[in-house]
Amino acid sequence: MNLTISGHHLEVTPALREYVLTKLDRVTRHFDQVVDVTVLLTVEKLKEKERRQKAEVTLHVKGRDIFVEQSHEDLYAAIDQLMDKLDRQVVRHKDRLQDHHHESPKRLGANAS
């Protein structure tokens, strides 16, 4: 798995990098077929303080790219909410990949006779 963590208008500190990595572990625990992860942490230069910290992630899995972004006034809270969204999308993607269309026992019995 390739992982890129970059910052726009901010320096990615080792503590911030470690925080993102621990949160990503939860996502990769659900779905191990992750090819590539790109995380971009941004501080937007807005006049109002509210929602100026933004975190976005692009997760490349086999057959699909999943993109999630989240803004908050606190960057750590934005990362938390981002990973919650990403986790839900990854679980939904994994659920769609599984084959739920199997033969019912009634049809299997009709074919055997």
N, C-alpha and C. Protein backbone atom coordinates (compact mmCIF):
# COMPACT_ATOMS: atom_id res chain seq x y z
N MET A 1 0.85 -1.18 0.00
CA MET A 1 0.00 0.00 0.00
C MET A 1 0.89 1.24 0.00
N ASN A 2 0.67 2.12 -0.96
CA ASN A 2 1.39 3.39 -1.01
C ASN A 2 0.61 4.43 -0.23
N LEU A 3 1.31 5.17 0.63
CA LEU A 3 0.66 6.18 1.45
C LEU A 3 1.38 7.50 1.27
N THR A 4 0.61 8.55 0.96
CA THR A 4 1.15 9.89 0.82
C THR A 4 0.35 10.82 1.73
N ILE A 5 1.03 11.48 2.66
CA ILE A 5 0.39 12.46 3.52
C ILE A 5 1.06 13.79 3.26
N SER A 6 0.29 14.77 2.79
CA SER A 6 0.87 16.07 2.48
C SER A 6 0.02 17.18 3.09
N GLY A 7 0.64 18.34 3.24
CA GLY A 7 -0.05 19.48 3.82
C GLY A 7 -0.04 20.65 2.87
N HIS A 8 -1.09 21.41 2.88
CA HIS A 8 -1.21 22.62 2.07
C HIS A 8 -1.40 23.78 3.03
N HIS A 9 -0.47 24.70 3.05
CA HIS A 9 -0.45 25.83 3.99
C HIS A 9 -0.22 25.37 5.42
N LEU A 10 0.34 24.18 5.62
CA LEU A 10 0.73 23.75 6.95
C LEU A 10 1.80 22.68 6.82
N GLU A 11 2.59 22.53 7.88
CA GLU A 11 3.63 21.51 7.92
C GLU A 11 3.05 20.27 8.59
N VAL A 12 3.25 19.12 7.98
CA VAL A 12 2.76 17.87 8.55
C VAL A 12 3.77 17.41 9.61
N THR A 13 3.40 17.56 10.86
CA THR A 13 4.29 17.19 11.97
C THR A 13 4.27 15.68 12.16
N PRO A 14 5.29 15.14 12.81
CA PRO A 14 5.27 13.69 13.08
C PRO A 14 4.05 13.25 13.90
N ALA A 15 3.59 14.09 14.82
CA ALA A 15 2.41 13.75 15.62
C ALA A 15 1.17 13.68 14.74
N LEU A 16 1.04 14.61 13.80
CA LEU A 16 -0.09 14.63 12.88
C LEU A 16 -0.05 13.41 11.96
N ARG A 17 1.16 13.09 11.47
CA ARG A 17 1.34 11.92 10.60
C ARG A 17 0.96 10.63 11.35
N GLU A 18 1.39 10.52 12.59
CA GLU A 18 1.09 9.34 13.40
C GLU A 18 -0.41 9.23 13.67
N TYR A 19 -1.07 10.35 13.90
CA TYR A 19 -2.51 10.38 14.15
C TYR A 19 -3.27 9.87 12.92
N VAL A 20 -2.87 10.33 11.74
CA VAL A 20 -3.52 9.88 10.50
C VAL A 20 -3.29 8.38 10.30
N LEU A 21 -2.08 7.92 10.58
CA LEU A 21 -1.77 6.50 10.40
C LEU A 21 -2.60 5.61 11.33
N THR A 22 -2.76 6.03 12.59
CA THR A 22 -3.55 5.22 13.52
C THR A 22 -5.02 5.19 13.10
N LYS A 23 -5.51 6.29 12.56
CA LYS A 23 -6.90 6.32 12.10
C LYS A 23 -7.07 5.48 10.84
N LEU A 24 -6.07 5.47 9.96
CA LEU A 24 -6.16 4.67 8.73
C LEU A 24 -6.11 3.17 9.01
N ASP A 25 -5.51 2.78 10.13
CA ASP A 25 -5.46 1.37 10.48
C ASP A 25 -6.85 0.77 10.59
N ARG A 26 -7.78 1.55 11.10
CA ARG A 26 -9.16 1.07 11.25
C ARG A 26 -9.78 0.76 9.89
N VAL A 27 -9.50 1.62 8.91
CA VAL A 27 -10.06 1.42 7.57
C VAL A 27 -9.41 0.21 6.90
N THR A 28 -8.10 0.09 7.01
CA THR A 28 -7.42 -1.03 6.35
C THR A 28 -7.69 -2.36 7.05
N ARG A 29 -8.15 -2.30 8.30
CA ARG A 29 -8.54 -3.53 8.99
C ARG A 29 -9.81 -4.12 8.35
N HIS A 30 -10.71 -3.25 7.92
CA HIS A 30 -11.94 -3.72 7.27
C HIS A 30 -11.69 -4.24 5.86
N PHE A 31 -10.75 -3.60 5.17
CA PHE A 31 -10.59 -3.89 3.74
C PHE A 31 -9.10 -3.86 3.44
N ASP A 32 -8.52 -5.00 3.13
CA ASP A 32 -7.08 -5.08 2.96
C ASP A 32 -6.62 -4.92 1.51
N GLN A 33 -7.53 -4.72 0.58
CA GLN A 33 -7.15 -4.59 -0.83
C GLN A 33 -6.92 -3.14 -1.24
N VAL A 34 -6.37 -2.33 -0.32
CA VAL A 34 -6.11 -0.93 -0.61
C VAL A 34 -4.80 -0.83 -1.38
N VAL A 35 -4.83 -0.16 -2.54
CA VAL A 35 -3.65 -0.03 -3.38
C VAL A 35 -2.88 1.23 -3.02
N ASP A 36 -3.60 2.34 -2.87
CA ASP A 36 -2.96 3.64 -2.77
C ASP A 36 -3.82 4.57 -1.91
N VAL A 37 -3.18 5.34 -1.01
CA VAL A 37 -3.89 6.29 -0.17
C VAL A 37 -3.18 7.64 -0.26
N THR A 38 -3.94 8.69 -0.54
CA THR A 38 -3.39 10.04 -0.57
C THR A 38 -4.20 10.89 0.40
N VAL A 39 -3.52 11.47 1.40
CA VAL A 39 -4.17 12.31 2.39
C VAL A 39 -3.64 13.73 2.21
N LEU A 40 -4.55 14.69 2.13
CA LEU A 40 -4.17 16.10 2.01
C LEU A 40 -4.80 16.87 3.15
N LEU A 41 -3.96 17.51 3.95
CA LEU A 41 -4.41 18.32 5.08
C LEU A 41 -4.20 19.78 4.70
N THR A 42 -5.25 20.59 4.85
CA THR A 42 -5.22 21.97 4.37
C THR A 42 -5.68 22.92 5.45
N VAL A 43 -5.03 24.08 5.53
CA VAL A 43 -5.52 25.19 6.33
C VAL A 43 -5.92 26.27 5.34
N GLU A 44 -7.21 26.55 5.29
CA GLU A 44 -7.70 27.56 4.36
C GLU A 44 -7.60 28.94 4.98
N LYS A 45 -7.17 29.89 4.20
CA LYS A 45 -6.99 31.25 4.69
C LYS A 45 -8.29 32.04 4.53
N LEU A 46 -9.22 31.77 5.43
CA LEU A 46 -10.51 32.46 5.41
C LEU A 46 -10.56 33.48 6.54
N LYS A 47 -11.43 34.46 6.41
CA LYS A 47 -11.57 35.47 7.46
C LYS A 47 -12.21 34.88 8.72
N GLU A 48 -13.26 34.08 8.55
CA GLU A 48 -13.92 33.49 9.71
C GLU A 48 -13.14 32.26 10.18
N LYS A 49 -13.16 32.02 11.47
CA LYS A 49 -12.41 30.91 12.05
C LYS A 49 -13.08 29.56 11.77
N GLU A 50 -14.38 29.60 11.58
CA GLU A 50 -15.14 28.36 11.51
C GLU A 50 -14.82 27.57 10.24
N ARG A 51 -14.60 26.28 10.38
CA ARG A 51 -14.41 25.34 9.28
C ARG A 51 -13.28 25.74 8.33
N ARG A 52 -12.15 26.07 8.85
CA ARG A 52 -11.04 26.41 7.98
C ARG A 52 -9.98 25.32 7.91
N GLN A 53 -10.09 24.29 8.74
CA GLN A 53 -9.18 23.15 8.67
C GLN A 53 -9.87 22.08 7.83
N LYS A 54 -9.18 21.61 6.79
CA LYS A 54 -9.80 20.65 5.89
C LYS A 54 -8.90 19.44 5.72
N ALA A 55 -9.50 18.27 5.75
CA ALA A 55 -8.78 17.03 5.50
C ALA A 55 -9.50 16.29 4.38
N GLU A 56 -8.73 15.78 3.45
CA GLU A 56 -9.34 14.99 2.37
C GLU A 56 -8.46 13.79 2.08
N VAL A 57 -9.11 12.73 1.66
CA VAL A 57 -8.38 11.49 1.37
C VAL A 57 -8.93 10.87 0.09
N THR A 58 -8.02 10.35 -0.71
CA THR A 58 -8.38 9.57 -1.90
C THR A 58 -7.83 8.17 -1.68
N LEU A 59 -8.72 7.22 -1.67
CA LEU A 59 -8.36 5.83 -1.42
C LEU A 59 -8.57 5.06 -2.71
N HIS A 60 -7.51 4.50 -3.25
CA HIS A 60 -7.61 3.73 -4.49
C HIS A 60 -7.64 2.25 -4.15
N VAL A 61 -8.77 1.63 -4.42
CA VAL A 61 -8.91 0.20 -4.22
C VAL A 61 -9.13 -0.44 -5.58
N LYS A 62 -9.05 -1.73 -5.64
CA LYS A 62 -9.21 -2.43 -6.91
C LYS A 62 -10.58 -2.13 -7.51
N GLY A 63 -10.58 -1.46 -8.64
CA GLY A 63 -11.83 -1.18 -9.34
C GLY A 63 -12.52 0.12 -8.99
N ARG A 64 -11.99 0.89 -8.03
CA ARG A 64 -12.71 2.10 -7.64
C ARG A 64 -11.80 3.06 -6.87
N ASP A 65 -12.07 4.34 -7.01
CA ASP A 65 -11.44 5.35 -6.18
C ASP A 65 -12.49 5.92 -5.24
N ILE A 66 -12.15 6.03 -3.98
CA ILE A 66 -13.06 6.59 -2.98
C ILE A 66 -12.46 7.90 -2.51
N PHE A 67 -13.23 8.99 -2.65
CA PHE A 67 -12.77 10.30 -2.25
C PHE A 67 -13.68 10.83 -1.15
N VAL A 68 -13.07 11.33 -0.06
CA VAL A 68 -13.83 11.88 1.05
C VAL A 68 -13.13 13.15 1.51
N GLU A 69 -13.92 14.18 1.83
CA GLU A 69 -13.33 15.38 2.41
C GLU A 69 -14.20 15.86 3.57
N GLN A 70 -13.55 16.52 4.52
CA GLN A 70 -14.25 16.99 5.71
C GLN A 70 -13.57 18.25 6.21
N SER A 71 -14.37 19.26 6.59
CA SER A 71 -13.85 20.50 7.15
C SER A 71 -14.33 20.67 8.58
N HIS A 72 -13.49 21.28 9.39
CA HIS A 72 -13.82 21.54 10.79
C HIS A 72 -12.89 22.63 11.29
N GLU A 73 -13.24 23.25 12.41
CA GLU A 73 -12.36 24.28 12.95
C GLU A 73 -11.12 23.68 13.61
N ASP A 74 -11.18 22.38 14.00
CA ASP A 74 -10.04 21.67 14.57
C ASP A 74 -9.61 20.59 13.58
N LEU A 75 -8.33 20.54 13.25
CA LEU A 75 -7.85 19.59 12.25
C LEU A 75 -7.99 18.14 12.72
N TYR A 76 -7.76 17.89 14.00
CA TYR A 76 -7.90 16.52 14.52
C TYR A 76 -9.35 16.06 14.46
N ALA A 77 -10.29 16.96 14.74
CA ALA A 77 -11.71 16.61 14.63
C ALA A 77 -12.08 16.37 13.17
N ALA A 78 -11.50 17.15 12.27
CA ALA A 78 -11.75 16.94 10.84
C ALA A 78 -11.25 15.57 10.40
N ILE A 79 -10.08 15.17 10.90
CA ILE A 79 -9.53 13.85 10.56
C ILE A 79 -10.42 12.75 11.12
N ASP A 80 -10.91 12.92 12.36
CA ASP A 80 -11.81 11.93 12.95
C ASP A 80 -13.06 11.74 12.11
N GLN A 81 -13.71 12.84 11.75
CA GLN A 81 -14.93 12.77 10.96
C GLN A 81 -14.66 12.21 9.57
N LEU A 82 -13.52 12.56 9.01
CA LEU A 82 -13.12 12.06 7.70
C LEU A 82 -12.97 10.55 7.71
N MET A 83 -12.31 10.03 8.73
CA MET A 83 -12.10 8.59 8.80
C MET A 83 -13.41 7.84 9.06
N ASP A 84 -14.34 8.47 9.79
CA ASP A 84 -15.65 7.85 9.98
C ASP A 84 -16.37 7.71 8.64
N LYS A 85 -16.35 8.78 7.85
CA LYS A 85 -16.98 8.74 6.53
C LYS A 85 -16.31 7.71 5.63
N LEU A 86 -14.98 7.73 5.64
CA LEU A 86 -14.23 6.81 4.80
C LEU A 86 -14.51 5.36 5.19
N ASP A 87 -14.58 5.11 6.48
CA ASP A 87 -14.86 3.77 6.97
C ASP A 87 -16.21 3.27 6.48
N ARG A 88 -17.21 4.14 6.54
CA ARG A 88 -18.55 3.75 6.06
C ARG A 88 -18.52 3.45 4.56
N GLN A 89 -17.81 4.26 3.78
CA GLN A 89 -17.76 4.03 2.34
C GLN A 89 -16.99 2.77 1.98
N VAL A 90 -15.92 2.49 2.71
CA VAL A 90 -15.14 1.29 2.45
C VAL A 90 -15.95 0.04 2.78
N VAL A 91 -16.67 0.07 3.90
CA VAL A 91 -17.51 -1.08 4.27
C VAL A 91 -18.61 -1.27 3.22
N ARG A 92 -19.20 -0.18 2.74
CA ARG A 92 -20.23 -0.28 1.71
C ARG A 92 -19.66 -0.83 0.41
N HIS A 93 -18.46 -0.39 0.04
CA HIS A 93 -17.80 -0.89 -1.17
C HIS A 93 -17.49 -2.39 -1.03
N LYS A 94 -17.01 -2.78 0.14
CA LYS A 94 -16.69 -4.20 0.38
C LYS A 94 -17.95 -5.05 0.31
N ASP A 95 -19.05 -4.51 0.84
CA ASP A 95 -20.32 -5.22 0.82
C ASP A 95 -20.82 -5.41 -0.62
N ARG A 96 -20.61 -4.41 -1.46
CA ARG A 96 -21.03 -4.52 -2.87
C ARG A 96 -20.19 -5.53 -3.63
N LEU A 97 -18.93 -5.69 -3.24
CA LEU A 97 -18.07 -6.64 -3.94
C LEU A 97 -18.43 -8.08 -3.64
N GLN A 98 -18.98 -8.34 -2.46
CA GLN A 98 -19.32 -9.71 -2.10
C GLN A 98 -20.51 -10.18 -2.92
N ASP A 99 -20.50 -11.44 -3.27
CA ASP A 99 -21.57 -12.00 -4.09
C ASP A 99 -22.73 -12.42 -3.19
N HIS A 100 -23.81 -11.66 -3.27
CA HIS A 100 -24.99 -11.99 -2.47
C HIS A 100 -26.02 -12.80 -3.27
N HIS A 101 -25.72 -13.07 -4.53
CA HIS A 101 -26.68 -13.75 -5.39
C HIS A 101 -26.30 -15.23 -5.52
N HIS A 102 -26.59 -15.99 -4.48
CA HIS A 102 -26.33 -17.42 -4.54
C HIS A 102 -27.64 -18.16 -4.72
N GLU A 103 -27.55 -19.38 -5.18
CA GLU A 103 -28.74 -20.18 -5.43
C GLU A 103 -29.44 -20.53 -4.13
N SER A 104 -30.76 -20.46 -4.14
CA SER A 104 -31.52 -20.82 -2.95
C SER A 104 -31.57 -22.36 -2.84
N PRO A 105 -31.75 -22.88 -1.64
CA PRO A 105 -31.81 -24.35 -1.46
C PRO A 105 -32.95 -24.99 -2.26
N LYS A 106 -34.06 -24.27 -2.45
CA LYS A 106 -35.20 -24.82 -3.20
C LYS A 106 -34.79 -25.08 -4.65
N ARG A 107 -34.08 -24.13 -5.25
CA ARG A 107 -33.66 -24.31 -6.65
C ARG A 107 -32.58 -25.38 -6.77
N LEU A 108 -31.72 -25.48 -5.77
CA LEU A 108 -30.69 -26.51 -5.82
C LEU A 108 -31.31 -27.90 -5.78
N GLY A 109 -32.39 -28.07 -5.01
CA GLY A 109 -33.08 -29.36 -4.93
C GLY A 109 -33.80 -29.71 -6.22
N ALA A 110 -34.33 -28.72 -6.94
CA ALA A 110 -35.03 -28.97 -8.20
C ALA A 110 -34.06 -29.40 -9.28
N ASN A 111 -32.85 -28.89 -9.25
CA ASN A 111 -31.87 -29.27 -10.27
C ASN A 111 -31.30 -30.66 -10.05
N ALA A 112 -31.34 -31.12 -8.82
CA ALA A 112 -30.74 -32.43 -8.50
C ALA A 112 -31.60 -33.59 -8.98
N SER A 113 -32.92 -33.39 -9.16
CA SER A 113 -33.77 -34.52 -9.52
C SER A 113 -33.86 -34.79 -10.99
